[in-house]
């Protein structure tokens, strides 16, 4: 299954929804069920099912069923899918199309792409190649560095050496 998630912000992302419809119509996306959480987009997909918003449980269910997650460049959407081991295609919302206030999603996507965690695109026109690419590509697994960060904070606060506790 392909799960498209566009977040819950006030911005539309019609370009991405239209691009997926076009790929289904062209036969590039064929044997997968496609479901989209379209948020504030006003385009209504023609070749796949959708809902405007999902509650937390519905969202988790869709993401769990998905093999591929196609999303905007939101950190939460990307991280949630990557942590669950999903293949992620991320496309930035762009200010020039009224999809966001600026183009910061380009930088976020580039960082995740450089870590080999996702297939990051610059534009919706690259979606066809991305669909083919993710079928063969092996992405890196997500590894949390939370423990290391907490140890570093503890070291700083306590003023001792790592692994040493000051009373």
C-alpha atoms as a PDB file:
ATOM      1  CA  UNK A   1       0.000   0.000   0.000  1.00  0.00           C
ATOM      2  CA  UNK A   2       1.065   3.587  -0.662  1.00  0.00           C
ATOM      3  CA  UNK A   3       0.091   6.061   2.041  1.00  0.00           C
ATOM      4  CA  UNK A   4       0.221   9.755   1.188  1.00  0.00           C
ATOM      5  CA  UNK A   5       0.265  12.129   4.132  1.00  0.00           C
ATOM      6  CA  UNK A   6       0.206  15.879   3.741  1.00  0.00           C
ATOM      7  CA  UNK A   7      -0.006  16.927   7.383  1.00  0.00           C
ATOM      8  CA  UNK A   8      -2.547  19.115   9.111  1.00  0.00           C
ATOM      9  CA  UNK A   9      -1.298  22.625   8.398  1.00  0.00           C
ATOM     10  CA  UNK A  10      -3.409  25.221   6.594  1.00  0.00           C
ATOM     11  CA  UNK A  11      -1.531  24.801   3.304  1.00  0.00           C
ATOM     12  CA  UNK A  12      -2.675  22.842   0.255  1.00  0.00           C
ATOM     13  CA  UNK A  13      -0.419  20.475  -1.670  1.00  0.00           C
ATOM     14  CA  UNK A  14      -2.523  19.852  -4.772  1.00  0.00           C
ATOM     15  CA  UNK A  15       0.543  19.349  -7.017  1.00  0.00           C
ATOM     16  CA  UNK A  16       1.518  16.149  -5.233  1.00  0.00           C
ATOM     17  CA  UNK A  17      -1.997  14.716  -5.246  1.00  0.00           C
ATOM     18  CA  UNK A  18      -2.357  15.457  -8.974  1.00  0.00           C
ATOM     19  CA  UNK A  19       1.052  13.886  -9.700  1.00  0.00           C
ATOM     20  CA  UNK A  20      -0.022  10.639  -8.008  1.00  0.00           C
ATOM     21  CA  UNK A  21      -3.313  10.624  -9.936  1.00  0.00           C
ATOM     22  CA  UNK A  22      -1.340  11.101 -13.172  1.00  0.00           C
ATOM     23  CA  UNK A  23       0.983   8.167 -12.351  1.00  0.00           C
ATOM     24  CA  UNK A  24      -1.960   5.895 -11.648  1.00  0.00           C
ATOM     25  CA  UNK A  25      -3.584   6.969 -14.914  1.00  0.00           C
ATOM     26  CA  UNK A  26      -0.322   6.299 -16.818  1.00  0.00           C
ATOM     27  CA  UNK A  27      -0.009   2.850 -15.234  1.00  0.00           C
ATOM     28  CA  UNK A  28       3.207   3.656 -13.322  1.00  0.00           C
ATOM     29  CA  UNK A  29       1.436   2.924 -10.047  1.00  0.00           C
ATOM     30  CA  UNK A  30      -0.590  -0.208 -10.672  1.00  0.00           C
ATOM     31  CA  UNK A  31      -0.891  -2.957  -8.104  1.00  0.00           C
ATOM     32  CA  UNK A  32      -0.825  -0.889  -4.948  1.00  0.00           C
ATOM     33  CA  UNK A  33      -3.717   0.424  -2.967  1.00  0.00           C
ATOM     34  CA  UNK A  34      -3.230   4.162  -2.558  1.00  0.00           C
ATOM     35  CA  UNK A  35      -4.745   6.147   0.292  1.00  0.00           C
ATOM     36  CA  UNK A  36      -4.156   9.814   1.044  1.00  0.00           C
ATOM     37  CA  UNK A  37      -4.616  12.082   4.023  1.00  0.00           C
ATOM     38  CA  UNK A  38      -4.995  15.304   2.024  1.00  0.00           C
ATOM     39  CA  UNK A  39      -5.280  17.900   4.785  1.00  0.00           C
ATOM     40  CA  UNK A  40      -6.247  21.347   3.489  1.00  0.00           C
ATOM     41  CA  UNK A  41      -5.711  20.531  -0.186  1.00  0.00           C
ATOM     42  CA  UNK A  42      -8.751  21.266  -2.305  1.00  0.00           C
ATOM     43  CA  UNK A  43      -7.910  18.820  -5.104  1.00  0.00           C
ATOM     44  CA  UNK A  44      -9.941  15.631  -4.798  1.00  0.00           C
ATOM     45  CA  UNK A  45      -8.089  12.541  -6.054  1.00  0.00           C
ATOM     46  CA  UNK A  46      -9.801  10.668  -8.874  1.00  0.00           C
ATOM     47  CA  UNK A  47      -7.991   7.316  -8.821  1.00  0.00           C
ATOM     48  CA  UNK A  48      -7.459   6.647  -5.100  1.00  0.00           C
ATOM     49  CA  UNK A  49      -9.265   7.015  -1.809  1.00  0.00           C
ATOM     50  CA  UNK A  50      -8.621   9.797   0.647  1.00  0.00           C
ATOM     51  CA  UNK A  51      -9.669  11.576   3.813  1.00  0.00           C
ATOM     52  CA  UNK A  52      -8.981  15.161   4.786  1.00  0.00           C
ATOM     53  CA  UNK A  53      -7.752  14.370   8.270  1.00  0.00           C
ATOM     54  CA  UNK A  54      -7.162  11.214  10.284  1.00  0.00           C
ATOM     55  CA  UNK A  55      -7.162  10.783  14.020  1.00  0.00           C
ATOM     56  CA  UNK A  56      -4.025   9.386  15.656  1.00  0.00           C
ATOM     57  CA  UNK A  57      -5.251   5.783  15.554  1.00  0.00           C
ATOM     58  CA  UNK A  58      -6.345   5.934  11.906  1.00  0.00           C
ATOM     59  CA  UNK A  59      -3.043   7.538  10.929  1.00  0.00           C
ATOM     60  CA  UNK A  60      -1.027   4.858  12.742  1.00  0.00           C
ATOM     61  CA  UNK A  61      -3.108   2.135  11.070  1.00  0.00           C
ATOM     62  CA  UNK A  62      -2.533   3.563   7.569  1.00  0.00           C
ATOM     63  CA  UNK A  63       1.173   3.982   8.178  1.00  0.00           C
ATOM     64  CA  UNK A  64       1.477   0.451   9.576  1.00  0.00           C
ATOM     65  CA  UNK A  65      -0.173  -1.032   6.452  1.00  0.00           C
ATOM     66  CA  UNK A  66       1.932   1.014   4.043  1.00  0.00           C
ATOM     67  CA  UNK A  67       5.004  -0.207   2.219  1.00  0.00           C
ATOM     68  CA  UNK A  68       5.658   3.283   0.889  1.00  0.00           C
ATOM     69  CA  UNK A  69       4.890   6.668   2.420  1.00  0.00           C
ATOM     70  CA  UNK A  70       4.773   9.686   0.134  1.00  0.00           C
ATOM     71  CA  UNK A  71       4.843  12.911   2.100  1.00  0.00           C
ATOM     72  CA  UNK A  72       5.657  16.588   2.217  1.00  0.00           C
ATOM     73  CA  UNK A  73       8.889  17.742   3.836  1.00  0.00           C
ATOM     74  CA  UNK A  74       7.553  17.837   7.381  1.00  0.00           C
ATOM     75  CA  UNK A  75       9.992  16.511   9.952  1.00  0.00           C
ATOM     76  CA  UNK A  76       7.314  14.677  11.945  1.00  0.00           C
ATOM     77  CA  UNK A  77       5.848  12.896   8.931  1.00  0.00           C
ATOM     78  CA  UNK A  78       9.270  11.831   7.669  1.00  0.00           C
ATOM     79  CA  UNK A  79      10.617  10.723  11.054  1.00  0.00           C
ATOM     80  CA  UNK A  80       7.484   8.769  11.939  1.00  0.00           C
ATOM     81  CA  UNK A  81       7.661   6.758   8.722  1.00  0.00           C
ATOM     82  CA  UNK A  82      11.429   6.243   8.858  1.00  0.00           C
ATOM     83  CA  UNK A  83      11.258   5.029  12.466  1.00  0.00           C
ATOM     84  CA  UNK A  84       8.721   2.420  11.341  1.00  0.00           C
ATOM     85  CA  UNK A  85      11.022   1.216   8.568  1.00  0.00           C
ATOM     86  CA  UNK A  86       8.882   2.515   5.698  1.00  0.00           C
ATOM     87  CA  UNK A  87      10.270   3.549   2.339  1.00  0.00           C
ATOM     88  CA  UNK A  88       9.692   7.282   2.171  1.00  0.00           C
ATOM     89  CA  UNK A  89       9.416   9.626  -0.786  1.00  0.00           C
ATOM     90  CA  UNK A  90       9.404  13.249   0.345  1.00  0.00           C
ATOM     91  CA  UNK A  91       8.522  16.219  -1.847  1.00  0.00           C
ATOM     92  CA  UNK A  92       8.901  19.789  -0.557  1.00  0.00           C
ATOM     93  CA  UNK A  93       6.025  22.202  -0.346  1.00  0.00           C
ATOM     94  CA  UNK A  94       7.113  25.358  -2.165  1.00  0.00           C
ATOM     95  CA  UNK A  95       6.230  28.954  -1.360  1.00  0.00           C
ATOM     96  CA  UNK A  96       5.822  29.952  -5.026  1.00  0.00           C
ATOM     97  CA  UNK A  97       2.784  27.630  -5.267  1.00  0.00           C
ATOM     98  CA  UNK A  98       1.252  28.838  -1.994  1.00  0.00           C
ATOM     99  CA  UNK A  99       2.110  25.523  -0.313  1.00  0.00           C
ATOM    100  CA  UNK A 100       4.138  27.061   2.522  1.00  0.00           C
ATOM    101  CA  UNK A 101       5.553  30.404   3.677  1.00  0.00           C
ATOM    102  CA  UNK A 102       9.095  29.561   2.549  1.00  0.00           C
ATOM    103  CA  UNK A 103      11.139  26.717   1.046  1.00  0.00           C
ATOM    104  CA  UNK A 104      12.684  25.310   4.239  1.00  0.00           C
ATOM    105  CA  UNK A 105      11.356  21.823   3.398  1.00  0.00           C
ATOM    106  CA  UNK A 106      13.981  21.580   0.648  1.00  0.00           C
ATOM    107  CA  UNK A 107      16.756  21.742   3.246  1.00  0.00           C
ATOM    108  CA  UNK A 108      15.047  19.251   5.565  1.00  0.00           C
ATOM    109  CA  UNK A 109      14.548  16.761   2.763  1.00  0.00           C
ATOM    110  CA  UNK A 110      18.157  17.173   1.595  1.00  0.00           C
ATOM    111  CA  UNK A 111      19.432  16.333   5.084  1.00  0.00           C
ATOM    112  CA  UNK A 112      17.343  13.150   5.328  1.00  0.00           C
ATOM    113  CA  UNK A 113      18.358  12.201   1.789  1.00  0.00           C
ATOM    114  CA  UNK A 114      22.055  12.711   2.575  1.00  0.00           C
ATOM    115  CA  UNK A 115      21.680  10.270   5.467  1.00  0.00           C
ATOM    116  CA  UNK A 116      20.194   7.723   3.006  1.00  0.00           C
ATOM    117  CA  UNK A 117      16.996   7.558   5.064  1.00  0.00           C
ATOM    118  CA  UNK A 118      14.581   8.662   2.324  1.00  0.00           C
ATOM    119  CA  UNK A 119      14.165   9.316  -1.355  1.00  0.00           C
ATOM    120  CA  UNK A 120      14.068  13.100  -1.384  1.00  0.00           C
ATOM    121  CA  UNK A 121      12.820  14.969  -4.426  1.00  0.00           C
ATOM    122  CA  UNK A 122      13.096  18.573  -5.520  1.00  0.00           C
ATOM    123  CA  UNK A 123       9.773  18.547  -7.354  1.00  0.00           C
ATOM    124  CA  UNK A 124       6.696  16.446  -8.124  1.00  0.00           C
ATOM    125  CA  UNK A 125       7.951  15.874 -11.678  1.00  0.00           C
ATOM    126  CA  UNK A 126      10.515  13.437 -10.260  1.00  0.00           C
ATOM    127  CA  UNK A 127       7.873  11.202  -8.667  1.00  0.00           C
ATOM    128  CA  UNK A 128       7.762   8.643 -11.493  1.00  0.00           C
ATOM    129  CA  UNK A 129      11.498   7.957 -11.233  1.00  0.00           C
ATOM    130  CA  UNK A 130      11.259   7.882  -7.435  1.00  0.00           C
ATOM    131  CA  UNK A 131       8.575   5.169  -7.524  1.00  0.00           C
ATOM    132  CA  UNK A 132      10.924   2.981  -9.575  1.00  0.00           C
ATOM    133  CA  UNK A 133      13.988   3.912  -7.489  1.00  0.00           C
ATOM    134  CA  UNK A 134      12.576   2.920  -4.101  1.00  0.00           C
ATOM    135  CA  UNK A 135      11.665  -0.554  -5.341  1.00  0.00           C
ATOM    136  CA  UNK A 136      15.367  -1.378  -5.693  1.00  0.00           C
ATOM    137  CA  UNK A 137      17.125   0.933  -3.256  1.00  0.00           C
ATOM    138  CA  UNK A 138      18.193  -0.136   0.237  1.00  0.00           C
ATOM    139  CA  UNK A 139      17.821   2.738   2.694  1.00  0.00           C
ATOM    140  CA  UNK A 140      19.741   3.102   5.940  1.00  0.00           C
ATOM    141  CA  UNK A 141      17.977   2.118   9.149  1.00  0.00           C
ATOM    142  CA  UNK A 142      17.098   4.829  11.601  1.00  0.00           C
ATOM    143  CA  UNK A 143      19.250   4.831  14.716  1.00  0.00           C
ATOM    144  CA  UNK A 144      18.296   7.053  17.620  1.00  0.00           C
ATOM    145  CA  UNK A 145      21.053   9.011  19.310  1.00  0.00           C
ATOM    146  CA  UNK A 146      18.857  10.064  22.231  1.00  0.00           C
ATOM    147  CA  UNK A 147      20.920   8.131  24.794  1.00  0.00           C
ATOM    148  CA  UNK A 148      24.136   9.812  23.646  1.00  0.00           C
ATOM    149  CA  UNK A 149      22.504  13.240  23.816  1.00  0.00           C
ATOM    150  CA  UNK A 150      21.154  12.599  27.321  1.00  0.00           C
ATOM    151  CA  UNK A 151      24.562  11.394  28.502  1.00  0.00           C
ATOM    152  CA  UNK A 152      26.155  14.510  27.044  1.00  0.00           C
ATOM    153  CA  UNK A 153      23.638  16.750  28.845  1.00  0.00           C
ATOM    154  CA  UNK A 154      24.159  14.871  32.101  1.00  0.00           C
ATOM    155  CA  UNK A 155      27.929  15.225  31.683  1.00  0.00           C
ATOM    156  CA  UNK A 156      27.578  18.961  31.119  1.00  0.00           C
ATOM    157  CA  UNK A 157      25.209  19.511  34.063  1.00  0.00           C
ATOM    158  CA  UNK A 158      27.143  17.330  36.475  1.00  0.00           C
ATOM    159  CA  UNK A 159      30.510  18.653  35.346  1.00  0.00           C
ATOM    160  CA  UNK A 160      32.138  15.227  35.434  1.00  0.00           C
ATOM    161  CA  UNK A 161      33.563  12.875  32.903  1.00  0.00           C
ATOM    162  CA  UNK A 162      31.241  10.686  30.900  1.00  0.00           C
ATOM    163  CA  UNK A 163      30.086   7.732  32.911  1.00  0.00           C
ATOM    164  CA  UNK A 164      31.077   9.476  36.149  1.00  0.00           C
ATOM    165  CA  UNK A 165      28.418  10.684  38.562  1.00  0.00           C
ATOM    166  CA  UNK A 166      28.914  13.720  40.773  1.00  0.00           C
ATOM    167  CA  UNK A 167      26.898  13.811  43.957  1.00  0.00           C
END
